[in-house]
C-alpha cells in the first residue's frame, strides 16, 4: 500500500528547490530555443529531458549518498520508459481525437505504465524498497 508522509516536506531546504528550479528552467529555455531554431520534433526531444532529475540526483547524492541516488535513478528510468510509451500514444491519437482527450489518455497511459513498471520491478527484485531514516 502506498503511503504519503507530507511531514518530510518541512525538511527540504529552500536552496534545494532553487537548484531544481534553475536546472529545470535552464533546460526548458534551451529546449524552446532548439525548437524555434530547428523543428518542433527536435525541440520536443529536449523538452522531455529530465532536467529536474539531474538536480535531484545531485542533491540526493550529497544528502543521502550514492546508493540512495542510484535508487532514485532506477525509478527515473521506469518513468522515462513510461514517458516514451505515452508520447508514442499521444503522437498517434492527437491526429484522430480532440487534443484534451488525447492528452488525458496520454497522462493515463503514463500513470498506468509508471506504476505498473514500478510494481513489476519491485516484485522482480530490480528495485529494492528501503526505508529512509
C-alpha atoms as a PDB file:
ATOM      1  CA  UNK A   1       0.000   0.000   0.000  1.00  0.00           C
ATOM      2  CA  UNK A   2       1.315   3.457  -0.874  1.00  0.00           C
ATOM      3  CA  UNK A   3       1.582   5.920   1.981  1.00  0.00           C
ATOM      4  CA  UNK A   4       2.417   9.585   1.766  1.00  0.00           C
ATOM      5  CA  UNK A   5       4.278  11.349   4.548  1.00  0.00           C
ATOM      6  CA  UNK A   6       3.953  15.063   3.870  1.00  0.00           C
ATOM      7  CA  UNK A   7       5.701  15.963   7.126  1.00  0.00           C
ATOM      8  CA  UNK A   8       9.050  15.329   5.456  1.00  0.00           C
ATOM      9  CA  UNK A   9       8.449  18.268   3.114  1.00  0.00           C
ATOM     10  CA  UNK A  10       9.381  20.568   6.005  1.00  0.00           C
ATOM     11  CA  UNK A  11      12.903  19.096   5.986  1.00  0.00           C
ATOM     12  CA  UNK A  12      13.617  20.236   2.408  1.00  0.00           C
ATOM     13  CA  UNK A  13      15.676  23.389   2.233  1.00  0.00           C
ATOM     14  CA  UNK A  14      14.742  26.317   0.007  1.00  0.00           C
ATOM     15  CA  UNK A  15      18.184  26.057  -1.638  1.00  0.00           C
ATOM     16  CA  UNK A  16      17.265  22.566  -2.896  1.00  0.00           C
ATOM     17  CA  UNK A  17      14.120  23.911  -4.555  1.00  0.00           C
ATOM     18  CA  UNK A  18      16.116  26.752  -6.128  1.00  0.00           C
ATOM     19  CA  UNK A  19      18.638  24.298  -7.604  1.00  0.00           C
ATOM     20  CA  UNK A  20      15.830  22.177  -9.090  1.00  0.00           C
ATOM     21  CA  UNK A  21      14.141  25.283 -10.479  1.00  0.00           C
ATOM     22  CA  UNK A  22      17.354  26.540 -12.103  1.00  0.00           C
ATOM     23  CA  UNK A  23      18.154  23.178 -13.703  1.00  0.00           C
ATOM     24  CA  UNK A  24      14.602  22.751 -14.987  1.00  0.00           C
ATOM     25  CA  UNK A  25      14.283  26.328 -16.198  1.00  0.00           C
ATOM     26  CA  UNK A  26      17.610  26.271 -17.996  1.00  0.00           C
ATOM     27  CA  UNK A  27      16.831  23.052 -19.845  1.00  0.00           C
ATOM     28  CA  UNK A  28      13.323  24.290 -20.723  1.00  0.00           C
ATOM     29  CA  UNK A  29      14.708  27.502 -22.232  1.00  0.00           C
ATOM     30  CA  UNK A  30      17.343  25.581 -24.187  1.00  0.00           C
ATOM     31  CA  UNK A  31      14.656  23.185 -25.471  1.00  0.00           C
ATOM     32  CA  UNK A  32      12.446  26.092 -26.554  1.00  0.00           C
ATOM     33  CA  UNK A  33      15.351  27.733 -28.385  1.00  0.00           C
ATOM     34  CA  UNK A  34      16.257  24.479 -30.136  1.00  0.00           C
ATOM     35  CA  UNK A  35      12.586  24.032 -31.101  1.00  0.00           C
ATOM     36  CA  UNK A  36      12.495  27.505 -32.672  1.00  0.00           C
ATOM     37  CA  UNK A  37      15.844  27.087 -34.385  1.00  0.00           C
ATOM     38  CA  UNK A  38      15.232  23.604 -35.763  1.00  0.00           C
ATOM     39  CA  UNK A  39      11.884  21.845 -35.836  1.00  0.00           C
ATOM     40  CA  UNK A  40       9.238  21.165 -33.219  1.00  0.00           C
ATOM     41  CA  UNK A  41      10.073  17.471 -33.172  1.00  0.00           C
ATOM     42  CA  UNK A  42      13.706  18.094 -32.327  1.00  0.00           C
ATOM     43  CA  UNK A  43      12.707  20.602 -29.651  1.00  0.00           C
ATOM     44  CA  UNK A  44      10.232  18.060 -28.285  1.00  0.00           C
ATOM     45  CA  UNK A  45      13.028  15.599 -27.715  1.00  0.00           C
ATOM     46  CA  UNK A  46      14.745  18.099 -25.465  1.00  0.00           C
ATOM     47  CA  UNK A  47      11.591  19.105 -23.588  1.00  0.00           C
ATOM     48  CA  UNK A  48      11.348  15.506 -22.407  1.00  0.00           C
ATOM     49  CA  UNK A  49      14.852  15.780 -20.953  1.00  0.00           C
ATOM     50  CA  UNK A  50      14.602  15.110 -17.222  1.00  0.00           C
ATOM     51  CA  UNK A  51      16.232  18.334 -16.073  1.00  0.00           C
ATOM     52  CA  UNK A  52      14.855  18.082 -12.587  1.00  0.00           C
ATOM     53  CA  UNK A  53      16.307  14.582 -12.315  1.00  0.00           C
ATOM     54  CA  UNK A  54      19.868  15.873 -12.658  1.00  0.00           C
ATOM     55  CA  UNK A  55      19.390  18.370  -9.870  1.00  0.00           C
ATOM     56  CA  UNK A  56      17.548  15.877  -7.679  1.00  0.00           C
ATOM     57  CA  UNK A  57      20.174  13.175  -8.054  1.00  0.00           C
ATOM     58  CA  UNK A  58      22.912  15.673  -7.238  1.00  0.00           C
ATOM     59  CA  UNK A  59      21.134  16.743  -4.067  1.00  0.00           C
ATOM     60  CA  UNK A  60      20.215  13.188  -3.051  1.00  0.00           C
ATOM     61  CA  UNK A  61      23.820  12.084  -3.549  1.00  0.00           C
ATOM     62  CA  UNK A  62      25.054  14.929  -1.400  1.00  0.00           C
ATOM     63  CA  UNK A  63      22.498  14.373   1.374  1.00  0.00           C
ATOM     64  CA  UNK A  64      21.906  10.597   1.383  1.00  0.00           C
ATOM     65  CA  UNK A  65      24.790   9.077  -0.572  1.00  0.00           C
ATOM     66  CA  UNK A  66      25.360   7.260  -3.835  1.00  0.00           C
ATOM     67  CA  UNK A  67      23.122   4.298  -3.079  1.00  0.00           C
ATOM     68  CA  UNK A  68      20.064   6.480  -2.468  1.00  0.00           C
ATOM     69  CA  UNK A  69      20.860   8.450  -5.613  1.00  0.00           C
ATOM     70  CA  UNK A  70      21.186   5.231  -7.633  1.00  0.00           C
ATOM     71  CA  UNK A  71      17.803   4.015  -6.356  1.00  0.00           C
ATOM     72  CA  UNK A  72      16.148   7.248  -7.448  1.00  0.00           C
ATOM     73  CA  UNK A  73      17.832   6.982 -10.862  1.00  0.00           C
ATOM     74  CA  UNK A  74      16.439   3.467 -11.302  1.00  0.00           C
ATOM     75  CA  UNK A  75      12.956   4.774 -10.593  1.00  0.00           C
ATOM     76  CA  UNK A  76      13.524   7.576 -13.096  1.00  0.00           C
ATOM     77  CA  UNK A  77      14.345   5.017 -15.786  1.00  0.00           C
ATOM     78  CA  UNK A  78      10.920   3.449 -15.259  1.00  0.00           C
ATOM     79  CA  UNK A  79       9.240   6.844 -15.508  1.00  0.00           C
ATOM     80  CA  UNK A  80      11.194   7.673 -18.665  1.00  0.00           C
ATOM     81  CA  UNK A  81      10.167   4.429 -20.371  1.00  0.00           C
ATOM     82  CA  UNK A  82       6.555   5.181 -19.452  1.00  0.00           C
ATOM     83  CA  UNK A  83       7.018   8.701 -20.874  1.00  0.00           C
ATOM     84  CA  UNK A  84       8.217   7.269 -24.188  1.00  0.00           C
ATOM     85  CA  UNK A  85       5.190   4.971 -24.377  1.00  0.00           C
ATOM     86  CA  UNK A  86       2.815   7.830 -23.514  1.00  0.00           C
ATOM     87  CA  UNK A  87       4.497  10.034 -26.141  1.00  0.00           C
ATOM     88  CA  UNK A  88       4.003   7.366 -28.802  1.00  0.00           C
ATOM     89  CA  UNK A  89       0.341   7.090 -27.832  1.00  0.00           C
ATOM     90  CA  UNK A  90      -0.025  10.884 -27.972  1.00  0.00           C
ATOM     91  CA  UNK A  91       1.597  11.083 -31.396  1.00  0.00           C
ATOM     92  CA  UNK A  92      -0.906   8.517 -32.686  1.00  0.00           C
ATOM     93  CA  UNK A  93      -4.042   9.931 -31.043  1.00  0.00           C
ATOM     94  CA  UNK A  94      -3.516  13.684 -31.460  1.00  0.00           C
ATOM     95  CA  UNK A  95      -4.497  13.499 -35.108  1.00  0.00           C
ATOM     96  CA  UNK A  96      -7.560  11.348 -34.516  1.00  0.00           C
ATOM     97  CA  UNK A  97      -9.262  12.799 -31.414  1.00  0.00           C
ATOM     98  CA  UNK A  98      -9.667  16.090 -29.583  1.00  0.00           C
ATOM     99  CA  UNK A  99      -6.442  17.374 -28.052  1.00  0.00           C
ATOM    100  CA  UNK A 100      -7.728  17.418 -24.468  1.00  0.00           C
ATOM    101  CA  UNK A 101      -8.892  13.802 -24.687  1.00  0.00           C
ATOM    102  CA  UNK A 102      -5.639  12.757 -26.272  1.00  0.00           C
ATOM    103  CA  UNK A 103      -3.636  14.447 -23.525  1.00  0.00           C
ATOM    104  CA  UNK A 104      -5.814  12.872 -20.845  1.00  0.00           C
ATOM    105  CA  UNK A 105      -5.321   9.469 -22.469  1.00  0.00           C
ATOM    106  CA  UNK A 106      -1.553  10.052 -22.605  1.00  0.00           C
ATOM    107  CA  UNK A 107      -1.465  11.069 -18.945  1.00  0.00           C
ATOM    108  CA  UNK A 108      -3.445   7.978 -18.002  1.00  0.00           C
ATOM    109  CA  UNK A 109      -1.134   5.769 -20.047  1.00  0.00           C
ATOM    110  CA  UNK A 110       1.920   7.293 -18.405  1.00  0.00           C
ATOM    111  CA  UNK A 111       0.448   6.814 -14.931  1.00  0.00           C
ATOM    112  CA  UNK A 112      -0.564   3.203 -15.549  1.00  0.00           C
ATOM    113  CA  UNK A 113       2.792   2.339 -17.157  1.00  0.00           C
ATOM    114  CA  UNK A 114       4.847   4.084 -14.452  1.00  0.00           C
ATOM    115  CA  UNK A 115       3.040   2.441 -11.560  1.00  0.00           C
ATOM    116  CA  UNK A 116       2.918  -0.901 -13.360  1.00  0.00           C
ATOM    117  CA  UNK A 117       6.648  -0.850 -14.163  1.00  0.00           C
ATOM    118  CA  UNK A 118       7.407   0.152 -10.579  1.00  0.00           C
ATOM    119  CA  UNK A 119       5.336  -2.645  -9.043  1.00  0.00           C
ATOM    120  CA  UNK A 120       6.733  -5.183 -11.506  1.00  0.00           C
ATOM    121  CA  UNK A 121      10.308  -4.066 -10.805  1.00  0.00           C
ATOM    122  CA  UNK A 122       9.807  -4.360  -7.055  1.00  0.00           C
ATOM    123  CA  UNK A 123       8.252  -7.806  -7.488  1.00  0.00           C
ATOM    124  CA  UNK A 124      11.139  -8.971  -9.704  1.00  0.00           C
ATOM    125  CA  UNK A 125      13.702  -7.554  -7.266  1.00  0.00           C
ATOM    126  CA  UNK A 126      15.177  -4.972  -9.642  1.00  0.00           C
ATOM    127  CA  UNK A 127      14.157  -2.186  -7.280  1.00  0.00           C
ATOM    128  CA  UNK A 128      14.528  -2.588  -3.551  1.00  0.00           C
ATOM    129  CA  UNK A 129      12.356  -0.567  -1.232  1.00  0.00           C
ATOM    130  CA  UNK A 130      14.389   0.734   1.665  1.00  0.00           C
ATOM    131  CA  UNK A 131      13.110   2.975   4.379  1.00  0.00           C
ATOM    132  CA  UNK A 132      14.902   6.312   4.702  1.00  0.00           C
ATOM    133  CA  UNK A 133      15.705   7.484   8.196  1.00  0.00           C
END
